[in-house]
C-alpha atoms as a PDB file:
ATOM      1  CA  UNK A   1      52.566  23.705  54.259  1.00  0.00           C
ATOM      2  CA  UNK A   2      53.877  26.500  56.490  1.00  0.00           C
ATOM      3  CA  UNK A   3      55.830  29.529  55.311  1.00  0.00           C
ATOM      4  CA  UNK A   4      58.992  28.160  56.947  1.00  0.00           C
ATOM      5  CA  UNK A   5      58.678  24.685  55.551  1.00  0.00           C
ATOM      6  CA  UNK A   6      58.240  26.127  52.097  1.00  0.00           C
ATOM      7  CA  UNK A   7      61.736  27.650  52.194  1.00  0.00           C
ATOM      8  CA  UNK A   8      63.771  25.668  54.721  1.00  0.00           C
ATOM      9  CA  UNK A   9      64.892  22.990  52.242  1.00  0.00           C
ATOM     10  CA  UNK A  10      65.068  25.118  49.099  1.00  0.00           C
ATOM     11  CA  UNK A  11      68.831  24.721  48.844  1.00  0.00           C
ATOM     12  CA  UNK A  12      68.947  20.972  49.604  1.00  0.00           C
ATOM     13  CA  UNK A  13      69.675  20.058  45.973  1.00  0.00           C
ATOM     14  CA  UNK A  14      72.378  22.704  45.834  1.00  0.00           C
ATOM     15  CA  UNK A  15      74.055  21.081  48.848  1.00  0.00           C
ATOM     16  CA  UNK A  16      74.225  17.935  46.708  1.00  0.00           C
ATOM     17  CA  UNK A  17      75.901  19.760  43.883  1.00  0.00           C
ATOM     18  CA  UNK A  18      72.993  20.723  41.664  1.00  0.00           C
ATOM     19  CA  UNK A  19      69.678  22.638  41.709  1.00  0.00           C
ATOM     20  CA  UNK A  20      68.681  26.220  42.274  1.00  0.00           C
ATOM     21  CA  UNK A  21      71.616  28.629  42.667  1.00  0.00           C
ATOM     22  CA  UNK A  22      70.707  32.316  43.095  1.00  0.00           C
ATOM     23  CA  UNK A  23      74.314  33.348  42.329  1.00  0.00           C
ATOM     24  CA  UNK A  24      73.832  32.252  38.726  1.00  0.00           C
ATOM     25  CA  UNK A  25      70.934  34.628  38.127  1.00  0.00           C
ATOM     26  CA  UNK A  26      71.761  37.159  35.408  1.00  0.00           C
ATOM     27  CA  UNK A  27      71.485  40.234  37.693  1.00  0.00           C
ATOM     28  CA  UNK A  28      73.085  38.825  40.804  1.00  0.00           C
ATOM     29  CA  UNK A  29      76.532  40.280  40.227  1.00  0.00           C
ATOM     30  CA  UNK A  30      75.063  43.673  39.322  1.00  0.00           C
ATOM     31  CA  UNK A  31      72.862  43.760  42.442  1.00  0.00           C
ATOM     32  CA  UNK A  32      75.705  42.909  44.769  1.00  0.00           C
ATOM     33  CA  UNK A  33      78.061  45.199  42.860  1.00  0.00           C
ATOM     34  CA  UNK A  34      75.721  48.133  43.321  1.00  0.00           C
ATOM     35  CA  UNK A  35      75.688  47.457  47.045  1.00  0.00           C
ATOM     36  CA  UNK A  36      79.488  47.196  47.240  1.00  0.00           C
ATOM     37  CA  UNK A  37      79.880  50.631  45.666  1.00  0.00           C
ATOM     38  CA  UNK A  38      77.676  52.123  48.335  1.00  0.00           C
ATOM     39  CA  UNK A  39      79.232  50.200  51.199  1.00  0.00           C
ATOM     40  CA  UNK A  40      82.780  51.257  50.364  1.00  0.00           C
ATOM     41  CA  UNK A  41      86.016  49.933  51.781  1.00  0.00           C
ATOM     42  CA  UNK A  42      85.891  51.026  55.439  1.00  0.00           C
ATOM     43  CA  UNK A  43      84.784  47.954  57.437  1.00  0.00           C
ATOM     44  CA  UNK A  44      81.080  47.986  58.252  1.00  0.00           C
ATOM     45  CA  UNK A  45      78.783  45.787  60.245  1.00  0.00           C
ATOM     46  CA  UNK A  46      76.421  44.372  57.633  1.00  0.00           C
ATOM     47  CA  UNK A  47      73.205  42.394  58.130  1.00  0.00           C
ATOM     48  CA  UNK A  48      72.528  40.267  55.070  1.00  0.00           C
ATOM     49  CA  UNK A  49      68.787  39.526  55.472  1.00  0.00           C
ATOM     50  CA  UNK A  50      67.703  36.527  53.416  1.00  0.00           C
ATOM     51  CA  UNK A  51      71.325  35.519  52.881  1.00  0.00           C
ATOM     52  CA  UNK A  52      70.458  32.258  51.182  1.00  0.00           C
ATOM     53  CA  UNK A  53      73.592  30.224  50.452  1.00  0.00           C
ATOM     54  CA  UNK A  54      75.893  33.089  51.424  1.00  0.00           C
ATOM     55  CA  UNK A  55      77.053  34.374  48.018  1.00  0.00           C
ATOM     56  CA  UNK A  56      76.469  38.032  48.712  1.00  0.00           C
ATOM     57  CA  UNK A  57      77.859  37.656  52.287  1.00  0.00           C
ATOM     58  CA  UNK A  58      81.007  36.204  50.714  1.00  0.00           C
ATOM     59  CA  UNK A  59      81.476  39.269  48.564  1.00  0.00           C
ATOM     60  CA  UNK A  60      81.137  41.596  51.594  1.00  0.00           C
ATOM     61  CA  UNK A  61      83.377  39.446  53.827  1.00  0.00           C
ATOM     62  CA  UNK A  62      86.124  39.291  51.237  1.00  0.00           C
ATOM     63  CA  UNK A  63      86.284  43.095  51.357  1.00  0.00           C
ATOM     64  CA  UNK A  64      86.813  43.104  55.115  1.00  0.00           C
ATOM     65  CA  UNK A  65      83.265  43.799  56.308  1.00  0.00           C
ATOM     66  CA  UNK A  66      81.795  42.118  59.408  1.00  0.00           C
ATOM     67  CA  UNK A  67      78.823  40.175  58.029  1.00  0.00           C
ATOM     68  CA  UNK A  68      75.945  38.503  59.798  1.00  0.00           C
ATOM     69  CA  UNK A  69      73.600  36.536  57.494  1.00  0.00           C
ATOM     70  CA  UNK A  70      70.103  35.414  58.478  1.00  0.00           C
ATOM     71  CA  UNK A  71      67.669  33.238  56.573  1.00  0.00           C
ATOM     72  CA  UNK A  72      64.627  31.076  57.104  1.00  0.00           C
ATOM     73  CA  UNK A  73      66.211  28.307  55.030  1.00  0.00           C
ATOM     74  CA  UNK A  74      68.125  25.682  57.057  1.00  0.00           C
ATOM     75  CA  UNK A  75      69.794  24.321  53.943  1.00  0.00           C
ATOM     76  CA  UNK A  76      70.857  27.813  52.923  1.00  0.00           C
ATOM     77  CA  UNK A  77      72.445  28.501  56.303  1.00  0.00           C
ATOM     78  CA  UNK A  78      74.354  25.224  56.202  1.00  0.00           C
ATOM     79  CA  UNK A  79      75.782  26.120  52.832  1.00  0.00           C
ATOM     80  CA  UNK A  80      76.591  29.677  53.895  1.00  0.00           C
ATOM     81  CA  UNK A  81      78.540  28.530  56.912  1.00  0.00           C
ATOM     82  CA  UNK A  82      80.705  26.311  54.733  1.00  0.00           C
ATOM     83  CA  UNK A  83      81.135  28.942  52.019  1.00  0.00           C
ATOM     84  CA  UNK A  84      81.980  31.924  54.253  1.00  0.00           C
ATOM     85  CA  UNK A  85      83.634  30.754  57.488  1.00  0.00           C
ATOM     86  CA  UNK A  86      84.607  34.340  58.377  1.00  0.00           C
ATOM     87  CA  UNK A  87      80.963  35.473  58.604  1.00  0.00           C
ATOM     88  CA  UNK A  88      78.244  34.595  61.102  1.00  0.00           C
ATOM     89  CA  UNK A  89      75.032  32.900  59.980  1.00  0.00           C
ATOM     90  CA  UNK A  90      71.859  32.308  61.849  1.00  0.00           C
ATOM     91  CA  UNK A  91      68.562  30.535  61.150  1.00  0.00           C
ATOM     92  CA  UNK A  92      65.482  32.695  61.900  1.00  0.00           C
ATOM     93  CA  UNK A  93      61.760  32.056  61.836  1.00  0.00           C
ATOM     94  CA  UNK A  94      60.408  35.628  61.593  1.00  0.00           C
ATOM     95  CA  UNK A  95      61.057  38.777  59.573  1.00  0.00           C
ATOM     96  CA  UNK A  96      59.911  40.999  62.417  1.00  0.00           C
ATOM     97  CA  UNK A  97      61.763  39.646  65.492  1.00  0.00           C
ATOM     98  CA  UNK A  98      65.488  39.236  64.981  1.00  0.00           C
ATOM     99  CA  UNK A  99      67.768  38.225  67.883  1.00  0.00           C
ATOM    100  CA  UNK A 100      70.025  41.307  67.943  1.00  0.00           C
ATOM    101  CA  UNK A 101      70.183  44.427  70.146  1.00  0.00           C
ATOM    102  CA  UNK A 102      69.130  47.850  68.867  1.00  0.00           C
ATOM    103  CA  UNK A 103      71.598  49.569  66.546  1.00  0.00           C
ATOM    104  CA  UNK A 104      73.629  46.440  65.943  1.00  0.00           C
ATOM    105  CA  UNK A 105      74.433  47.137  62.262  1.00  0.00           C
ATOM    106  CA  UNK A 106      75.585  49.949  59.961  1.00  0.00           C
ATOM    107  CA  UNK A 107      73.967  48.511  56.870  1.00  0.00           C
ATOM    108  CA  UNK A 108      71.211  46.013  56.041  1.00  0.00           C
ATOM    109  CA  UNK A 109      71.406  44.372  52.637  1.00  0.00           C
ATOM    110  CA  UNK A 110      68.337  42.540  51.342  1.00  0.00           C
ATOM    111  CA  UNK A 111      68.278  41.316  47.731  1.00  0.00           C
ATOM    112  CA  UNK A 112      65.199  39.811  46.078  1.00  0.00           C
ATOM    113  CA  UNK A 113      63.676  38.916  49.430  1.00  0.00           C
ATOM    114  CA  UNK A 114      61.140  41.555  50.484  1.00  0.00           C
ATOM    115  CA  UNK A 115      58.686  40.385  47.806  1.00  0.00           C
ATOM    116  CA  UNK A 116      58.458  37.048  49.668  1.00  0.00           C
ATOM    117  CA  UNK A 117      57.568  38.506  53.046  1.00  0.00           C
ATOM    118  CA  UNK A 118      54.113  38.551  54.721  1.00  0.00           C
ATOM    119  CA  UNK A 119      54.753  41.470  57.083  1.00  0.00           C
ATOM    120  CA  UNK A 120      56.566  44.111  55.023  1.00  0.00           C
ATOM    121  CA  UNK A 121      55.716  46.922  57.369  1.00  0.00           C
ATOM    122  CA  UNK A 122      56.947  44.966  60.401  1.00  0.00           C
ATOM    123  CA  UNK A 123      60.115  43.940  58.561  1.00  0.00           C
ATOM    124  CA  UNK A 124      61.034  47.522  57.684  1.00  0.00           C
ATOM    125  CA  UNK A 125      60.424  48.580  61.303  1.00  0.00           C
ATOM    126  CA  UNK A 126      62.710  45.794  62.538  1.00  0.00           C
ATOM    127  CA  UNK A 127      65.451  46.841  60.156  1.00  0.00           C
ATOM    128  CA  UNK A 128      65.121  50.408  61.441  1.00  0.00           C
ATOM    129  CA  UNK A 129      65.516  49.138  65.011  1.00  0.00           C
ATOM    130  CA  UNK A 130      68.658  47.197  64.109  1.00  0.00           C
ATOM    131  CA  UNK A 131      70.396  50.008  62.234  1.00  0.00           C
ATOM    132  CA  UNK A 132      72.465  52.767  63.789  1.00  0.00           C
ATOM    133  CA  UNK A 133      71.366  56.371  63.297  1.00  0.00           C
ATOM    134  CA  UNK A 134      71.921  57.293  59.636  1.00  0.00           C
ATOM    135  CA  UNK A 135      72.382  53.563  58.912  1.00  0.00           C
ATOM    136  CA  UNK A 136      71.746  52.401  55.311  1.00  0.00           C
ATOM    137  CA  UNK A 137      69.105  49.998  54.052  1.00  0.00           C
ATOM    138  CA  UNK A 138      70.092  48.636  50.637  1.00  0.00           C
ATOM    139  CA  UNK A 139      67.534  46.393  48.945  1.00  0.00           C
ATOM    140  CA  UNK A 140      66.508  45.085  45.592  1.00  0.00           C
ATOM    141  CA  UNK A 141      63.188  43.714  44.477  1.00  0.00           C
ATOM    142  CA  UNK A 142      61.436  43.038  41.123  1.00  0.00           C
ATOM    143  CA  UNK A 143      60.280  46.280  39.584  1.00  0.00           C
ATOM    144  CA  UNK A 144      56.615  46.840  38.789  1.00  0.00           C
ATOM    145  CA  UNK A 145      55.926  50.112  37.029  1.00  0.00           C
ATOM    146  CA  UNK A 146      52.753  51.079  35.142  1.00  0.00           C
ATOM    147  CA  UNK A 147      53.930  50.281  31.623  1.00  0.00           C
ATOM    148  CA  UNK A 148      55.673  47.075  32.632  1.00  0.00           C
ATOM    149  CA  UNK A 149      52.545  45.964  34.493  1.00  0.00           C
ATOM    150  CA  UNK A 150      50.488  46.523  31.353  1.00  0.00           C
ATOM    151  CA  UNK A 151      52.867  44.302  29.368  1.00  0.00           C
ATOM    152  CA  UNK A 152      52.812  41.645  32.043  1.00  0.00           C
ATOM    153  CA  UNK A 153      49.024  41.349  32.215  1.00  0.00           C
ATOM    154  CA  UNK A 154      48.798  41.392  28.446  1.00  0.00           C
ATOM    155  CA  UNK A 155      51.377  38.795  27.473  1.00  0.00           C
ATOM    156  CA  UNK A 156      52.660  36.990  30.556  1.00  0.00           C
ATOM    157  CA  UNK A 157      50.101  37.156  33.379  1.00  0.00           C
ATOM    158  CA  UNK A 158      50.063  33.425  34.244  1.00  0.00           C
ATOM    159  CA  UNK A 159      53.836  33.041  34.093  1.00  0.00           C
ATOM    160  CA  UNK A 160      54.593  36.205  36.122  1.00  0.00           C
ATOM    161  CA  UNK A 161      52.042  35.498  38.851  1.00  0.00           C
ATOM    162  CA  UNK A 162      52.584  31.725  38.919  1.00  0.00           C
ATOM    163  CA  UNK A 163      51.194  30.460  42.201  1.00  0.00           C
ATOM    164  CA  UNK A 164      54.271  28.516  43.324  1.00  0.00           C
ATOM    165  CA  UNK A 165      56.775  31.292  42.660  1.00  0.00           C
ATOM    166  CA  UNK A 166      56.838  32.514  46.257  1.00  0.00           C
ATOM    167  CA  UNK A 167      56.380  36.183  45.288  1.00  0.00           C
ATOM    168  CA  UNK A 168      53.500  37.625  47.269  1.00  0.00           C
ATOM    169  CA  UNK A 169      54.355  41.364  47.169  1.00  0.00           C
ATOM    170  CA  UNK A 170      54.773  43.549  44.044  1.00  0.00           C
ATOM    171  CA  UNK A 171      56.410  46.956  44.370  1.00  0.00           C
ATOM    172  CA  UNK A 172      56.463  50.110  42.248  1.00  0.00           C
ATOM    173  CA  UNK A 173      58.895  52.941  43.005  1.00  0.00           C
ATOM    174  CA  UNK A 174      55.999  54.817  44.607  1.00  0.00           C
ATOM    175  CA  UNK A 175      54.861  51.976  46.907  1.00  0.00           C
ATOM    176  CA  UNK A 176      58.452  51.251  47.921  1.00  0.00           C
ATOM    177  CA  UNK A 177      59.050  54.895  48.849  1.00  0.00           C
ATOM    178  CA  UNK A 178      55.816  55.006  50.857  1.00  0.00           C
ATOM    179  CA  UNK A 179      56.624  51.867  52.897  1.00  0.00           C
ATOM    180  CA  UNK A 180      60.168  52.984  53.609  1.00  0.00           C
ATOM    181  CA  UNK A 181      59.137  56.491  54.608  1.00  0.00           C
ATOM    182  CA  UNK A 182      56.481  55.117  56.952  1.00  0.00           C
ATOM    183  CA  UNK A 183      59.154  52.878  58.478  1.00  0.00           C
ATOM    184  CA  UNK A 184      61.490  55.779  59.305  1.00  0.00           C
ATOM    185  CA  UNK A 185      63.708  55.863  56.216  1.00  0.00           C
ATOM    186  CA  UNK A 186      64.590  58.566  53.710  1.00  0.00           C
ATOM    187  CA  UNK A 187      64.895  57.132  50.237  1.00  0.00           C
ATOM    188  CA  UNK A 188      68.042  58.549  48.603  1.00  0.00           C
ATOM    189  CA  UNK A 189      68.057  56.703  45.334  1.00  0.00           C
ATOM    190  CA  UNK A 190      66.158  54.122  43.248  1.00  0.00           C
ATOM    191  CA  UNK A 191      67.595  52.818  39.999  1.00  0.00           C
ATOM    192  CA  UNK A 192      67.042  49.911  37.700  1.00  0.00           C
ATOM    193  CA  UNK A 193      68.970  46.625  37.558  1.00  0.00           C
ATOM    194  CA  UNK A 194      68.668  44.468  34.430  1.00  0.00           C
ATOM    195  CA  UNK A 195      67.035  45.456  31.122  1.00  0.00           C
ATOM    196  CA  UNK A 196      66.176  49.120  30.450  1.00  0.00           C
ATOM    197  CA  UNK A 197      63.462  51.440  31.719  1.00  0.00           C
ATOM    198  CA  UNK A 198      60.459  50.961  31.697  1.00  0.00           C
ATOM    199  CA  UNK A 199      60.909  47.233  31.927  1.00  0.00           C
ATOM    200  CA  UNK A 200      63.664  47.016  34.548  1.00  0.00           C
ATOM    201  CA  UNK A 201      63.955  43.537  35.951  1.00  0.00           C
ATOM    202  CA  UNK A 202      64.643  44.803  39.475  1.00  0.00           C
ATOM    203  CA  UNK A 203      65.138  48.082  41.268  1.00  0.00           C
ATOM    204  CA  UNK A 204      67.993  48.905  43.596  1.00  0.00           C
ATOM    205  CA  UNK A 205      67.003  51.065  46.574  1.00  0.00           C
ATOM    206  CA  UNK A 206      69.294  53.060  48.853  1.00  0.00           C
ATOM    207  CA  UNK A 207      67.522  54.405  51.938  1.00  0.00           C
ATOM    208  CA  UNK A 208      68.924  56.031  55.089  1.00  0.00           C
ATOM    209  CA  UNK A 209      67.474  55.707  58.601  1.00  0.00           C
ATOM    210  CA  UNK A 210      66.324  59.027  60.000  1.00  0.00           C
ATOM    211  CA  UNK A 211      68.664  60.316  62.701  1.00  0.00           C
END
């Protein structure tokens, strides 16, 4: 099975009215809400990378922002187009080569996606290319700190690292900072989403492209 085929039909059941729905995840509203606070009310050009079925894009579009959502899932893109007719959605097949000119966006939003990517370094470089100078990269990903990792390997190793979960990257605050800095970003803030420190469920990252 290829990487693309693994994800392209992931929302097929949701199209039929049941199945996996990321918008029902306990932290979804908090993740998108954190992004909305940063984005503000002045219309921005937002790239929603890994847009899925379009739920986050809908929140941005309803506030007057110009949203382009991209995803590797064909079923997700079909749902998103129906759900958010005022936004633009596009099927992609790579995290490192997106079909947009340099500096096309003010903000890139990417929630619970980077942990699924093969080429994290290439992805961050591509986001940098697509953002304007001083553009913002807002992302969330499951948090993996030292103490939380100890708890995971002690009581939930098999469940957390289940082979069919799709998670292939695991980030701490330190590793996230290092990757973003190497990719041309200055990390302005990292805070937890869901649960309390030191067992945050996810971390919200605000990073700015170097001018």
